[in-house]
Amino acid sequence: MDISQAITVMKKNPEFTQNVGMILVHNGVVRAWSRQSHDQVAYLEVTPDQQKVEEIRQEFLQREGIFDIVIEAKEGRFQPGDDLLYIIVAGDIRENVKPALADLLDRIKGEAIIKKEVVTA
């Protein structure tokens, strides 16, 4: 995903200026070390449930002050440094947008993405 392009498209909505005062972006990247063991990561296999991602996105679009949400959850084998997950949340004020992004990220990672981390021996 080209984040700048996605935001440009979002801004073309005629309702944007009346509803958005903040855009937050999450760009998830493969770490070079395992969260549990701190071993070096060789690669990460990721399988997102795209239908569940969309269900969660639709749920969060109903939150107070949230104008638009764009999500790209990639699937496949990824090396350290590769981009995995993009989330863009646009809304009215930070008190609505910040918790929405945090909660949305946790829900997607917890409910819609399966990861298999392969470490070097």
PDB file of N, CA and C in Angstrom:
ATOM      1  N   MET A   1       0.843  -1.185   0.000  1.00  0.00           N
ATOM      2  CA  MET A   1       0.000   0.000   0.000  1.00  0.00           C
ATOM      3  C   MET A   1       0.884   1.242   0.000  1.00  0.00           C
ATOM      4  N   ASP A   2       0.506   2.174  -0.805  1.00  0.00           N
ATOM      5  CA  ASP A   2       1.136   3.486  -0.777  1.00  0.00           C
ATOM      6  C   ASP A   2       0.298   4.336   0.188  1.00  0.00           C
ATOM      7  N   ILE A   3       0.829   4.567   1.379  1.00  0.00           N
ATOM      8  CA  ILE A   3       0.075   5.268   2.424  1.00  0.00           C
ATOM      9  C   ILE A   3      -0.341   6.667   1.969  1.00  0.00           C
ATOM     10  N   SER A   4       0.566   7.395   1.350  1.00  0.00           N
ATOM     11  CA  SER A   4       0.248   8.754   0.888  1.00  0.00           C
ATOM     12  C   SER A   4      -0.879   8.728  -0.134  1.00  0.00           C
ATOM     13  N   GLN A   5      -0.834   7.769  -1.039  1.00  0.00           N
ATOM     14  CA  GLN A   5      -1.883   7.657  -2.052  1.00  0.00           C
ATOM     15  C   GLN A   5      -3.221   7.301  -1.410  1.00  0.00           C
ATOM     16  N   ALA A   6      -3.207   6.394  -0.438  1.00  0.00           N
ATOM     17  CA  ALA A   6      -4.449   6.010   0.239  1.00  0.00           C
ATOM     18  C   ALA A   6      -5.075   7.209   0.953  1.00  0.00           C
ATOM     19  N   ILE A   7      -4.249   8.024   1.574  1.00  0.00           N
ATOM     20  CA  ILE A   7      -4.759   9.222   2.254  1.00  0.00           C
ATOM     21  C   ILE A   7      -5.270  10.237   1.229  1.00  0.00           C
ATOM     22  N   THR A   8      -4.587  10.379   0.113  1.00  0.00           N
ATOM     23  CA  THR A   8      -5.046  11.282  -0.954  1.00  0.00           C
ATOM     24  C   THR A   8      -6.428  10.872  -1.444  1.00  0.00           C
ATOM     25  N   VAL A   9      -6.632   9.587  -1.641  1.00  0.00           N
ATOM     26  CA  VAL A   9      -7.951   9.082  -2.060  1.00  0.00           C
ATOM     27  C   VAL A   9      -8.993   9.389  -0.985  1.00  0.00           C
ATOM     28  N   MET A  10      -8.650   9.158   0.271  1.00  0.00           N
ATOM     29  CA  MET A  10      -9.563   9.422   1.381  1.00  0.00           C
ATOM     30  C   MET A  10      -9.982  10.898   1.394  1.00  0.00           C
ATOM     31  N   LYS A  11      -9.030  11.790   1.132  1.00  0.00           N
ATOM     32  CA  LYS A  11      -9.297  13.232   1.171  1.00  0.00           C
ATOM     33  C   LYS A  11     -10.195  13.703   0.027  1.00  0.00           C
ATOM     34  N   LYS A  12     -10.346  12.898  -1.011  1.00  0.00           N
ATOM     35  CA  LYS A  12     -11.204  13.271  -2.135  1.00  0.00           C
ATOM     36  C   LYS A  12     -12.693  13.152  -1.796  1.00  0.00           C
ATOM     37  N   ASN A  13     -13.002  12.471  -0.716  1.00  0.00           N
ATOM     38  CA  ASN A  13     -14.393  12.371  -0.284  1.00  0.00           C
ATOM     39  C   ASN A  13     -14.868  13.770   0.114  1.00  0.00           C
ATOM     40  N   PRO A  14     -15.982  14.250  -0.457  1.00  0.00           N
ATOM     41  CA  PRO A  14     -16.442  15.606  -0.146  1.00  0.00           C
ATOM     42  C   PRO A  14     -16.782  15.835   1.329  1.00  0.00           C
ATOM     43  N   GLU A  15     -17.000  14.782   2.077  1.00  0.00           N
ATOM     44  CA  GLU A  15     -17.316  14.901   3.509  1.00  0.00           C
ATOM     45  C   GLU A  15     -16.064  14.962   4.393  1.00  0.00           C
ATOM     46  N   PHE A  16     -14.909  14.744   3.787  1.00  0.00           N
ATOM     47  CA  PHE A  16     -13.666  14.645   4.551  1.00  0.00           C
ATOM     48  C   PHE A  16     -13.421  15.864   5.446  1.00  0.00           C
ATOM     49  N   THR A  17     -13.441  17.052   4.872  1.00  0.00           N
ATOM     50  CA  THR A  17     -13.057  18.246   5.638  1.00  0.00           C
ATOM     51  C   THR A  17     -13.998  18.547   6.798  1.00  0.00           C
ATOM     52  N   GLN A  18     -15.235  18.109   6.700  1.00  0.00           N
ATOM     53  CA  GLN A  18     -16.194  18.352   7.777  1.00  0.00           C
ATOM     54  C   GLN A  18     -16.114  17.297   8.882  1.00  0.00           C
ATOM     55  N   ASN A  19     -15.379  16.196   8.623  1.00  0.00           N
ATOM     56  CA  ASN A  19     -15.396  15.076   9.566  1.00  0.00           C
ATOM     57  C   ASN A  19     -14.034  14.619  10.075  1.00  0.00           C
ATOM     58  N   VAL A  20     -12.964  15.160   9.523  1.00  0.00           N
ATOM     59  CA  VAL A  20     -11.643  14.641   9.886  1.00  0.00           C
ATOM     60  C   VAL A  20     -10.737  15.750  10.416  1.00  0.00           C
ATOM     61  N   GLY A  21     -10.175  15.491  11.605  1.00  0.00           N
ATOM     62  CA  GLY A  21      -9.175  16.365  12.201  1.00  0.00           C
ATOM     63  C   GLY A  21      -7.914  15.601  12.537  1.00  0.00           C
ATOM     64  N   MET A  22      -7.946  14.276  12.303  1.00  0.00           N
ATOM     65  CA  MET A  22      -6.768  13.459  12.610  1.00  0.00           C
ATOM     66  C   MET A  22      -6.787  12.199  11.761  1.00  0.00           C
ATOM     67  N   ILE A  23      -5.609  11.846  11.262  1.00  0.00           N
ATOM     68  CA  ILE A  23      -5.411  10.563  10.582  1.00  0.00           C
ATOM     69  C   ILE A  23      -4.235   9.887  11.272  1.00  0.00           C
ATOM     70  N   LEU A  24      -4.451   8.655  11.710  1.00  0.00           N
ATOM     71  CA  LEU A  24      -3.363   7.874  12.298  1.00  0.00           C
ATOM     72  C   LEU A  24      -3.071   6.674  11.403  1.00  0.00           C
ATOM     73  N   VAL A  25      -1.805   6.316  11.327  1.00  0.00           N
ATOM     74  CA  VAL A  25      -1.367   5.217  10.467  1.00  0.00           C
ATOM     75  C   VAL A  25      -0.567   4.219  11.287  1.00  0.00           C
ATOM     76  N   HIS A  26      -0.867   2.946  11.062  1.00  0.00           N
ATOM     77  CA  HIS A  26      -0.052   1.860  11.599  1.00  0.00           C
ATOM     78  C   HIS A  26       0.586   1.156  10.416  1.00  0.00           C
ATOM     79  N   ASN A  27       1.905   0.956  10.480  1.00  0.00           N
ATOM     80  CA  ASN A  27       2.629   0.219   9.452  1.00  0.00           C
ATOM     81  C   ASN A  27       3.402  -0.887  10.170  1.00  0.00           C
ATOM     82  N   GLY A  28       2.809  -2.089  10.219  1.00  0.00           N
ATOM     83  CA  GLY A  28       3.439  -3.223  10.891  1.00  0.00           C
ATOM     84  C   GLY A  28       4.539  -3.822  10.044  1.00  0.00           C
ATOM     85  N   VAL A  29       5.681  -4.079  10.668  1.00  0.00           N
ATOM     86  CA  VAL A  29       6.882  -4.559   9.986  1.00  0.00           C
ATOM     87  C   VAL A  29       7.389  -5.808  10.707  1.00  0.00           C
ATOM     88  N   VAL A  30       7.952  -6.752   9.968  1.00  0.00           N
ATOM     89  CA  VAL A  30       8.539  -7.952  10.560  1.00  0.00           C
ATOM     90  C   VAL A  30       9.776  -7.557  11.374  1.00  0.00           C
ATOM     91  N   ARG A  31       9.769  -7.932  12.648  1.00  0.00           N
ATOM     92  CA  ARG A  31      10.940  -7.696  13.508  1.00  0.00           C
ATOM     93  C   ARG A  31      12.037  -8.705  13.181  1.00  0.00           C
ATOM     94  N   ALA A  32      13.269  -8.360  13.449  1.00  0.00           N
ATOM     95  CA  ALA A  32      14.399  -9.261  13.227  1.00  0.00           C
ATOM     96  C   ALA A  32      14.581 -10.239  14.381  1.00  0.00           C
ATOM     97  N   TRP A  33      13.817 -10.064  15.458  1.00  0.00           N
ATOM     98  CA  TRP A  33      13.945 -10.937  16.623  1.00  0.00           C
ATOM     99  C   TRP A  33      12.562 -11.359  17.122  1.00  0.00           C
ATOM    100  N   SER A  34      12.526 -12.541  17.703  1.00  0.00           N
ATOM    101  CA  SER A  34      11.284 -13.102  18.211  1.00  0.00           C
ATOM    102  C   SER A  34      10.859 -12.403  19.499  1.00  0.00           C
ATOM    103  N   ARG A  35       9.586 -12.110  19.585  1.00  0.00           N
ATOM    104  CA  ARG A  35       9.056 -11.451  20.784  1.00  0.00           C
ATOM    105  C   ARG A  35       9.237 -12.341  22.019  1.00  0.00           C
ATOM    106  N   GLN A  36       9.022 -13.653  21.886  1.00  0.00           N
ATOM    107  CA  GLN A  36       9.117 -14.561  23.035  1.00  0.00           C
ATOM    108  C   GLN A  36      10.554 -14.855  23.443  1.00  0.00           C
ATOM    109  N   SER A  37      11.393 -15.245  22.489  1.00  0.00           N
ATOM    110  CA  SER A  37      12.730 -15.743  22.824  1.00  0.00           C
ATOM    111  C   SER A  37      13.865 -14.775  22.496  1.00  0.00           C
ATOM    112  N   HIS A  38      13.568 -13.760  21.715  1.00  0.00           N
ATOM    113  CA  HIS A  38      14.560 -12.816  21.204  1.00  0.00           C
ATOM    114  C   HIS A  38      15.560 -13.470  20.253  1.00  0.00           C
ATOM    115  N   ASP A  39      15.243 -14.709  19.771  1.00  0.00           N
ATOM    116  CA  ASP A  39      16.053 -15.340  18.734  1.00  0.00           C
ATOM    117  C   ASP A  39      15.898 -14.564  17.439  1.00  0.00           C
ATOM    118  N   GLN A  40      16.869 -14.712  16.550  1.00  0.00           N
ATOM    119  CA  GLN A  40      16.817 -14.051  15.245  1.00  0.00           C
ATOM    120  C   GLN A  40      15.733 -14.706  14.380  1.00  0.00           C
ATOM    121  N   VAL A  41      14.930 -13.899  13.727  1.00  0.00           N
ATOM    122  CA  VAL A  41      13.856 -14.391  12.867  1.00  0.00           C
ATOM    123  C   VAL A  41      14.398 -14.579  11.450  1.00  0.00           C
ATOM    124  N   ALA A  42      14.187 -15.784  10.912  1.00  0.00           N
ATOM    125  CA  ALA A  42      14.554 -16.063   9.519  1.00  0.00           C
ATOM    126  C   ALA A  42      13.477 -15.525   8.591  1.00  0.00           C
ATOM    127  N   TYR A  43      12.224 -15.839   8.933  1.00  0.00           N
ATOM    128  CA  TYR A  43      11.084 -15.325   8.172  1.00  0.00           C
ATOM    129  C   TYR A  43       9.807 -15.525   8.975  1.00  0.00           C
ATOM    130  N   LEU A  44       8.742 -14.923   8.497  1.00  0.00           N
ATOM    131  CA  LEU A  44       7.436 -14.994   9.138  1.00  0.00           C
ATOM    132  C   LEU A  44       6.418 -15.380   8.083  1.00  0.00           C
ATOM    133  N   GLU A  45       5.606 -16.383   8.387  1.00  0.00           N
ATOM    134  CA  GLU A  45       4.507 -16.769   7.509  1.00  0.00           C
ATOM    135  C   GLU A  45       3.225 -16.197   8.097  1.00  0.00           C
ATOM    136  N   VAL A  46       2.474 -15.473   7.277  1.00  0.00           N
ATOM    137  CA  VAL A  46       1.286 -14.772   7.757  1.00  0.00           C
ATOM    138  C   VAL A  46       0.079 -15.167   6.914  1.00  0.00           C
ATOM    139  N   THR A  47      -1.015 -15.494   7.617  1.00  0.00           N
ATOM    140  CA  THR A  47      -2.271 -15.809   6.943  1.00  0.00           C
ATOM    141  C   THR A  47      -3.379 -14.977   7.587  1.00  0.00           C
ATOM    142  N   PRO A  48      -3.811 -13.914   6.925  1.00  0.00           N
ATOM    143  CA  PRO A  48      -4.926 -13.131   7.467  1.00  0.00           C
ATOM    144  C   PRO A  48      -6.264 -13.710   7.010  1.00  0.00           C
ATOM    145  N   ASP A  49      -7.259 -13.594   7.859  1.00  0.00           N
ATOM    146  CA  ASP A  49      -8.635 -13.917   7.494  1.00  0.00           C
ATOM    147  C   ASP A  49      -9.244 -12.605   7.008  1.00  0.00           C
ATOM    148  N   GLN A  50      -9.228 -12.399   5.690  1.00  0.00           N
ATOM    149  CA  GLN A  50      -9.654 -11.120   5.120  1.00  0.00           C
ATOM    150  C   GLN A  50     -11.126 -10.803   5.429  1.00  0.00           C
ATOM    151  N   GLN A  51     -11.958 -11.821   5.497  1.00  0.00           N
ATOM    152  CA  GLN A  51     -13.373 -11.593   5.820  1.00  0.00           C
ATOM    153  C   GLN A  51     -13.510 -11.068   7.249  1.00  0.00           C
ATOM    154  N   LYS A  52     -12.747 -11.653   8.172  1.00  0.00           N
ATOM    155  CA  LYS A  52     -12.784 -11.194   9.563  1.00  0.00           C
ATOM    156  C   LYS A  52     -12.215  -9.781   9.674  1.00  0.00           C
ATOM    157  N   VAL A  53     -11.143  -9.487   8.936  1.00  0.00           N
ATOM    158  CA  VAL A  53     -10.578  -8.137   8.925  1.00  0.00           C
ATOM    159  C   VAL A  53     -11.655  -7.138   8.516  1.00  0.00           C
ATOM    160  N   GLU A  54     -12.401  -7.455   7.467  1.00  0.00           N
ATOM    161  CA  GLU A  54     -13.450  -6.552   6.989  1.00  0.00           C
ATOM    162  C   GLU A  54     -14.590  -6.425   8.000  1.00  0.00           C
ATOM    163  N   GLU A  55     -14.954  -7.526   8.660  1.00  0.00           N
ATOM    164  CA  GLU A  55     -15.998  -7.462   9.693  1.00  0.00           C
ATOM    165  C   GLU A  55     -15.584  -6.525  10.825  1.00  0.00           C
ATOM    166  N   ILE A  56     -14.349  -6.648  11.254  1.00  0.00           N
ATOM    167  CA  ILE A  56     -13.845  -5.783  12.327  1.00  0.00           C
ATOM    168  C   ILE A  56     -13.803  -4.333  11.850  1.00  0.00           C
ATOM    169  N   ARG A  57     -13.340  -4.107  10.620  1.00  0.00           N
ATOM    170  CA  ARG A  57     -13.306  -2.748  10.058  1.00  0.00           C
ATOM    171  C   ARG A  57     -14.698  -2.131  10.066  1.00  0.00           C
ATOM    172  N   GLN A  58     -15.685  -2.884   9.618  1.00  0.00           N
ATOM    173  CA  GLN A  58     -17.064  -2.373   9.584  1.00  0.00           C
ATOM    174  C   GLN A  58     -17.562  -2.033  10.993  1.00  0.00           C
ATOM    175  N   GLU A  59     -17.216  -2.850  11.957  1.00  0.00           N
ATOM    176  CA  GLU A  59     -17.603  -2.588  13.349  1.00  0.00           C
ATOM    177  C   GLU A  59     -16.999  -1.270  13.840  1.00  0.00           C
ATOM    178  N   PHE A  60     -15.726  -1.049  13.538  1.00  0.00           N
ATOM    179  CA  PHE A  60     -15.047   0.157  14.012  1.00  0.00           C
ATOM    180  C   PHE A  60     -15.495   1.409  13.272  1.00  0.00           C
ATOM    181  N   LEU A  61     -15.979   1.261  12.059  1.00  0.00           N
ATOM    182  CA  LEU A  61     -16.530   2.416  11.335  1.00  0.00           C
ATOM    183  C   LEU A  61     -17.761   2.980  12.042  1.00  0.00           C
ATOM    184  N   GLN A  62     -18.373   2.202  12.917  1.00  0.00           N
ATOM    185  CA  GLN A  62     -19.550   2.647  13.663  1.00  0.00           C
ATOM    186  C   GLN A  62     -19.189   3.423  14.933  1.00  0.00           C
ATOM    187  N   ARG A  63     -17.931   3.434  15.290  1.00  0.00           N
ATOM    188  CA  ARG A  63     -17.517   4.157  16.499  1.00  0.00           C
ATOM    189  C   ARG A  63     -17.696   5.658  16.326  1.00  0.00           C
ATOM    190  N   GLU A  64     -17.968   6.311  17.430  1.00  0.00           N
ATOM    191  CA  GLU A  64     -18.145   7.767  17.430  1.00  0.00           C
ATOM    192  C   GLU A  64     -16.902   8.458  16.881  1.00  0.00           C
ATOM    193  N   GLY A  65     -17.131   9.367  15.932  1.00  0.00           N
ATOM    194  CA  GLY A  65     -16.066  10.201  15.402  1.00  0.00           C
ATOM    195  C   GLY A  65     -15.205   9.572  14.321  1.00  0.00           C
ATOM    196  N   ILE A  66     -15.424   8.304  14.002  1.00  0.00           N
ATOM    197  CA  ILE A  66     -14.589   7.645  12.991  1.00  0.00           C
ATOM    198  C   ILE A  66     -15.221   7.852  11.621  1.00  0.00           C
ATOM    199  N   PHE A  67     -14.427   8.402  10.700  1.00  0.00           N
ATOM    200  CA  PHE A  67     -14.899   8.734   9.355  1.00  0.00           C
ATOM    201  C   PHE A  67     -14.584   7.640   8.343  1.00  0.00           C
ATOM    202  N   ASP A  68     -13.349   7.142   8.371  1.00  0.00           N
ATOM    203  CA  ASP A  68     -12.964   6.125   7.392  1.00  0.00           C
ATOM    204  C   ASP A  68     -11.820   5.297   7.956  1.00  0.00           C
ATOM    205  N   ILE A  69     -11.748   4.043   7.485  1.00  0.00           N
ATOM    206  CA  ILE A  69     -10.675   3.132   7.873  1.00  0.00           C
ATOM    207  C   ILE A  69     -10.252   2.362   6.632  1.00  0.00           C
ATOM    208  N   VAL A  70      -8.941   2.313   6.410  1.00  0.00           N
ATOM    209  CA  VAL A  70      -8.382   1.525   5.326  1.00  0.00           C
ATOM    210  C   VAL A  70      -7.419   0.519   5.952  1.00  0.00           C
ATOM    211  N   ILE A  71      -7.549  -0.760   5.545  1.00  0.00           N
ATOM    212  CA  ILE A  71      -6.688  -1.818   6.090  1.00  0.00           C
ATOM    213  C   ILE A  71      -6.151  -2.660   4.939  1.00  0.00           C
ATOM    214  N   GLU A  72      -4.864  -2.952   5.003  1.00  0.00           N
ATOM    215  CA  GLU A  72      -4.279  -3.947   4.107  1.00  0.00           C
ATOM    216  C   GLU A  72      -3.486  -4.918   4.963  1.00  0.00           C
ATOM    217  N   ALA A  73      -3.963  -6.174   5.004  1.00  0.00           N
ATOM    218  CA  ALA A  73      -3.284  -7.237   5.735  1.00  0.00           C
ATOM    219  C   ALA A  73      -2.695  -8.188   4.702  1.00  0.00           C
ATOM    220  N   LYS A  74      -1.380  -8.211   4.608  1.00  0.00           N
ATOM    221  CA  LYS A  74      -0.706  -9.019   3.589  1.00  0.00           C
ATOM    222  C   LYS A  74      -0.631 -10.495   4.006  1.00  0.00           C
ATOM    223  N   GLU A  75      -0.558 -11.342   2.985  1.00  0.00           N
ATOM    224  CA  GLU A  75      -0.455 -12.782   3.204  1.00  0.00           C
ATOM    225  C   GLU A  75       0.804 -13.304   2.524  1.00  0.00           C
ATOM    226  N   GLY A  76       1.462 -14.271   3.181  1.00  0.00           N
ATOM    227  CA  GLY A  76       2.618 -14.900   2.561  1.00  0.00           C
ATOM    228  C   GLY A  76       3.781 -15.034   3.514  1.00  0.00           C
ATOM    229  N   ARG A  77       4.978 -15.182   2.933  1.00  0.00           N
ATOM    230  CA  ARG A  77       6.217 -15.318   3.685  1.00  0.00           C
ATOM    231  C   ARG A  77       6.964 -13.994   3.598  1.00  0.00           C
ATOM    232  N   PHE A  78       7.402 -13.498   4.756  1.00  0.00           N
ATOM    233  CA  PHE A  78       8.022 -12.188   4.829  1.00  0.00           C
ATOM    234  C   PHE A  78       9.333 -12.239   5.609  1.00  0.00           C
ATOM    235  N   GLN A  79      10.269 -11.421   5.195  1.00  0.00           N
ATOM    236  CA  GLN A  79      11.586 -11.314   5.823  1.00  0.00           C
ATOM    237  C   GLN A  79      11.584 -10.137   6.813  1.00  0.00           C
ATOM    238  N   PRO A  80      12.511 -10.142   7.779  1.00  0.00           N
ATOM    239  CA  PRO A  80      12.629  -8.977   8.660  1.00  0.00           C
ATOM    240  C   PRO A  80      12.747  -7.687   7.842  1.00  0.00           C
ATOM    241  N   GLY A  81      11.997  -6.694   8.264  1.00  0.00           N
ATOM    242  CA  GLY A  81      11.958  -5.408   7.570  1.00  0.00           C
ATOM    243  C   GLY A  81      10.808  -5.273   6.591  1.00  0.00           C
ATOM    244  N   ASP A  82      10.187  -6.395   6.193  1.00  0.00           N
ATOM    245  CA  ASP A  82       9.055  -6.334   5.260  1.00  0.00           C
ATOM    246  C   ASP A  82       7.812  -5.780   5.946  1.00  0.00           C
ATOM    247  N   ASP A  83       7.017  -5.048   5.179  1.00  0.00           N
ATOM    248  CA  ASP A  83       5.738  -4.533   5.665  1.00  0.00           C
ATOM    249  C   ASP A  83       4.700  -5.651   5.652  1.00  0.00           C
ATOM    250  N   LEU A  84       3.884  -5.705   6.716  1.00  0.00           N
ATOM    251  CA  LEU A  84       2.874  -6.753   6.878  1.00  0.00           C
ATOM    252  C   LEU A  84       1.451  -6.235   6.937  1.00  0.00           C
ATOM    253  N   LEU A  85       1.269  -5.159   7.683  1.00  0.00           N
ATOM    254  CA  LEU A  85      -0.083  -4.707   7.997  1.00  0.00           C
ATOM    255  C   LEU A  85      -0.125  -3.187   7.996  1.00  0.00           C
ATOM    256  N   TYR A  86      -1.039  -2.667   7.194  1.00  0.00           N
ATOM    257  CA  TYR A  86      -1.283  -1.220   7.167  1.00  0.00           C
ATOM    258  C   TYR A  86      -2.689  -0.957   7.685  1.00  0.00           C
ATOM    259  N   ILE A  87      -2.800   0.026   8.561  1.00  0.00           N
ATOM    260  CA  ILE A  87      -4.112   0.486   9.035  1.00  0.00           C
ATOM    261  C   ILE A  87      -4.083   2.009   9.012  1.00  0.00           C
ATOM    262  N   ILE A  88      -5.104   2.596   8.384  1.00  0.00           N
ATOM    263  CA  ILE A  88      -5.264   4.046   8.389  1.00  0.00           C
ATOM    264  C   ILE A  88      -6.630   4.337   8.990  1.00  0.00           C
ATOM    265  N   VAL A  89      -6.644   5.154  10.046  1.00  0.00           N
ATOM    266  CA  VAL A  89      -7.900   5.540  10.698  1.00  0.00           C
ATOM    267  C   VAL A  89      -8.019   7.054  10.644  1.00  0.00           C
ATOM    268  N   ALA A  90      -9.124   7.530  10.070  1.00  0.00           N
ATOM    269  CA  ALA A  90      -9.398   8.965   9.992  1.00  0.00           C
ATOM    270  C   ALA A  90     -10.639   9.275  10.815  1.00  0.00           C
ATOM    271  N   GLY A  91     -10.554  10.345  11.588  1.00  0.00           N
ATOM    272  CA  GLY A  91     -11.707  10.718  12.401  1.00  0.00           C
ATOM    273  C   GLY A  91     -11.615  12.145  12.885  1.00  0.00           C
ATOM    274  N   ASP A  92     -12.546  12.482  13.762  1.00  0.00           N
ATOM    275  CA  ASP A  92     -12.721  13.872  14.160  1.00  0.00           C
ATOM    276  C   ASP A  92     -11.671  14.393  15.141  1.00  0.00           C
ATOM    277  N   ILE A  93     -11.527  13.742  16.291  1.00  0.00           N
ATOM    278  CA  ILE A  93     -10.633  14.249  17.332  1.00  0.00           C
ATOM    279  C   ILE A  93      -9.800  13.093  17.903  1.00  0.00           C
ATOM    280  N   ARG A  94      -8.677  13.444  18.508  1.00  0.00           N
ATOM    281  CA  ARG A  94      -7.757  12.410  18.984  1.00  0.00           C
ATOM    282  C   ARG A  94      -8.378  11.494  20.040  1.00  0.00           C
ATOM    283  N   GLU A  95      -9.286  12.022  20.839  1.00  0.00           N
ATOM    284  CA  GLU A  95      -9.903  11.190  21.871  1.00  0.00           C
ATOM    285  C   GLU A  95     -10.718  10.047  21.268  1.00  0.00           C
ATOM    286  N   ASN A  96     -11.127  10.192  20.010  1.00  0.00           N
ATOM    287  CA  ASN A  96     -11.837   9.115  19.316  1.00  0.00           C
ATOM    288  C   ASN A  96     -10.904   8.290  18.429  1.00  0.00           C
ATOM    289  N   VAL A  97      -9.966   8.944  17.773  1.00  0.00           N
ATOM    290  CA  VAL A  97      -9.137   8.262  16.776  1.00  0.00           C
ATOM    291  C   VAL A  97      -8.051   7.405  17.420  1.00  0.00           C
ATOM    292  N   LYS A  98      -7.356   7.925  18.434  1.00  0.00           N
ATOM    293  CA  LYS A  98      -6.268   7.161  19.050  1.00  0.00           C
ATOM    294  C   LYS A  98      -6.740   5.830  19.623  1.00  0.00           C
ATOM    295  N   PRO A  99      -7.791   5.807  20.442  1.00  0.00           N
ATOM    296  CA  PRO A  99      -8.217   4.506  20.967  1.00  0.00           C
ATOM    297  C   PRO A  99      -8.788   3.588  19.886  1.00  0.00           C
ATOM    298  N   ALA A 100      -9.386   4.168  18.865  1.00  0.00           N
ATOM    299  CA  ALA A 100      -9.918   3.345  17.777  1.00  0.00           C
ATOM    300  C   ALA A 100      -8.783   2.592  17.085  1.00  0.00           C
ATOM    301  N   LEU A 101      -7.692   3.290  16.774  1.00  0.00           N
ATOM    302  CA  LEU A 101      -6.568   2.619  16.121  1.00  0.00           C
ATOM    303  C   LEU A 101      -5.983   1.541  17.034  1.00  0.00           C
ATOM    304  N   ALA A 102      -5.775   1.855  18.294  1.00  0.00           N
ATOM    305  CA  ALA A 102      -5.186   0.882  19.225  1.00  0.00           C
ATOM    306  C   ALA A 102      -6.077  -0.355  19.358  1.00  0.00           C
ATOM    307  N   ASP A 103      -7.360  -0.143  19.559  1.00  0.00           N
ATOM    308  CA  ASP A 103      -8.291  -1.272  19.713  1.00  0.00           C
ATOM    309  C   ASP A 103      -8.422  -2.070  18.424  1.00  0.00           C
ATOM    310  N   LEU A 104      -8.481  -1.374  17.306  1.00  0.00           N
ATOM    311  CA  LEU A 104      -8.590  -2.027  16.001  1.00  0.00           C
ATOM    312  C   LEU A 104      -7.370  -2.905  15.742  1.00  0.00           C
ATOM    313  N   LEU A 105      -6.188  -2.389  15.987  1.00  0.00           N
ATOM    314  CA  LEU A 105      -4.963  -3.149  15.801  1.00  0.00           C
ATOM    315  C   LEU A 105      -4.978  -4.414  16.663  1.00  0.00           C
ATOM    316  N   ASP A 106      -5.317  -4.271  17.926  1.00  0.00           N
ATOM    317  CA  ASP A 106      -5.356  -5.428  18.827  1.00  0.00           C
ATOM    318  C   ASP A 106      -6.368  -6.471  18.371  1.00  0.00           C
ATOM    319  N   ARG A 107      -7.525  -6.025  17.925  1.00  0.00           N
ATOM    320  CA  ARG A 107      -8.561  -6.961  17.448  1.00  0.00           C
ATOM    321  C   ARG A 107      -8.102  -7.699  16.196  1.00  0.00           C
ATOM    322  N   ILE A 108      -7.534  -6.981  15.238  1.00  0.00           N
ATOM    323  CA  ILE A 108      -7.092  -7.624  13.997  1.00  0.00           C
ATOM    324  C   ILE A 108      -5.992  -8.632  14.298  1.00  0.00           C
ATOM    325  N   LYS A 109      -4.990  -8.225  15.081  1.00  0.00           N
ATOM    326  CA  LYS A 109      -3.892  -9.127  15.408  1.00  0.00           C
ATOM    327  C   LYS A 109      -4.374 -10.324  16.231  1.00  0.00           C
ATOM    328  N   GLY A 110      -5.350 -10.117  17.092  1.00  0.00           N
ATOM    329  CA  GLY A 110      -5.835 -11.182  17.961  1.00  0.00           C
ATOM    330  C   GLY A 110      -6.856 -12.109  17.328  1.00  0.00           C
ATOM    331  N   GLU A 111      -7.623 -11.604  16.371  1.00  0.00           N
ATOM    332  CA  GLU A 111      -8.743 -12.377  15.841  1.00  0.00           C
ATOM    333  C   GLU A 111      -8.640 -12.729  14.367  1.00  0.00           C
ATOM    334  N   ALA A 112      -7.816 -12.022  13.606  1.00  0.00           N
ATOM    335  CA  ALA A 112      -7.886 -12.180  12.154  1.00  0.00           C
ATOM    336  C   ALA A 112      -6.558 -12.531  11.484  1.00  0.00           C
ATOM    337  N   ILE A 113      -5.497 -12.670  12.254  1.00  0.00           N
ATOM    338  CA  ILE A 113      -4.193 -12.953  11.639  1.00  0.00           C
ATOM    339  C   ILE A 113      -3.534 -14.126  12.355  1.00  0.00           C
ATOM    340  N   ILE A 114      -3.069 -15.079  11.545  1.00  0.00           N
ATOM    341  CA  ILE A 114      -2.298 -16.212  12.069  1.00  0.00           C
ATOM    342  C   ILE A 114      -0.869 -16.029  11.568  1.00  0.00           C
ATOM    343  N   LYS A 115       0.089 -16.117  12.512  1.00  0.00           N
ATOM    344  CA  LYS A 115       1.500 -15.954  12.165  1.00  0.00           C
ATOM    345  C   LYS A 115       2.274 -17.190  12.602  1.00  0.00           C
ATOM    346  N   LYS A 116       3.240 -17.558  11.779  1.00  0.00           N
ATOM    347  CA  LYS A 116       4.204 -18.602  12.146  1.00  0.00           C
ATOM    348  C   LYS A 116       5.588 -17.997  11.982  1.00  0.00           C
ATOM    349  N   GLU A 117       6.252 -17.853  13.116  1.00  0.00           N
ATOM    350  CA  GLU A 117       7.577 -17.247  13.128  1.00  0.00           C
ATOM    351  C   GLU A 117       8.631 -18.361  13.048  1.00  0.00           C
ATOM    352  N   VAL A 118       9.541 -18.261  12.102  1.00  0.00           N
ATOM    353  CA  VAL A 118      10.617 -19.231  11.952  1.00  0.00           C
ATOM    354  C   VAL A 118      11.922 -18.539  12.325  1.00  0.00           C
ATOM    355  N   VAL A 119      12.586 -19.079  13.343  1.00  0.00           N
ATOM    356  CA  VAL A 119      13.822 -18.482  13.844  1.00  0.00           C
ATOM    357  C   VAL A 119      15.016 -19.264  13.333  1.00  0.00           C
ATOM    358  N   THR A 120      16.174 -18.606  13.330  1.00  0.00           N
ATOM    359  CA  THR A 120      17.405 -19.277  12.912  1.00  0.00           C
ATOM    360  C   THR A 120      17.915 -20.120  14.074  1.00  0.00           C
ATOM    361  N   ALA A 121      18.536 -21.212  13.744  1.00  0.00           N
ATOM    362  CA  ALA A 121      19.027 -22.144  14.792  1.00  0.00           C
ATOM    363  C   ALA A 121      20.365 -21.728  15.327  1.00  0.00           C
TER     364      ALA A 121
END
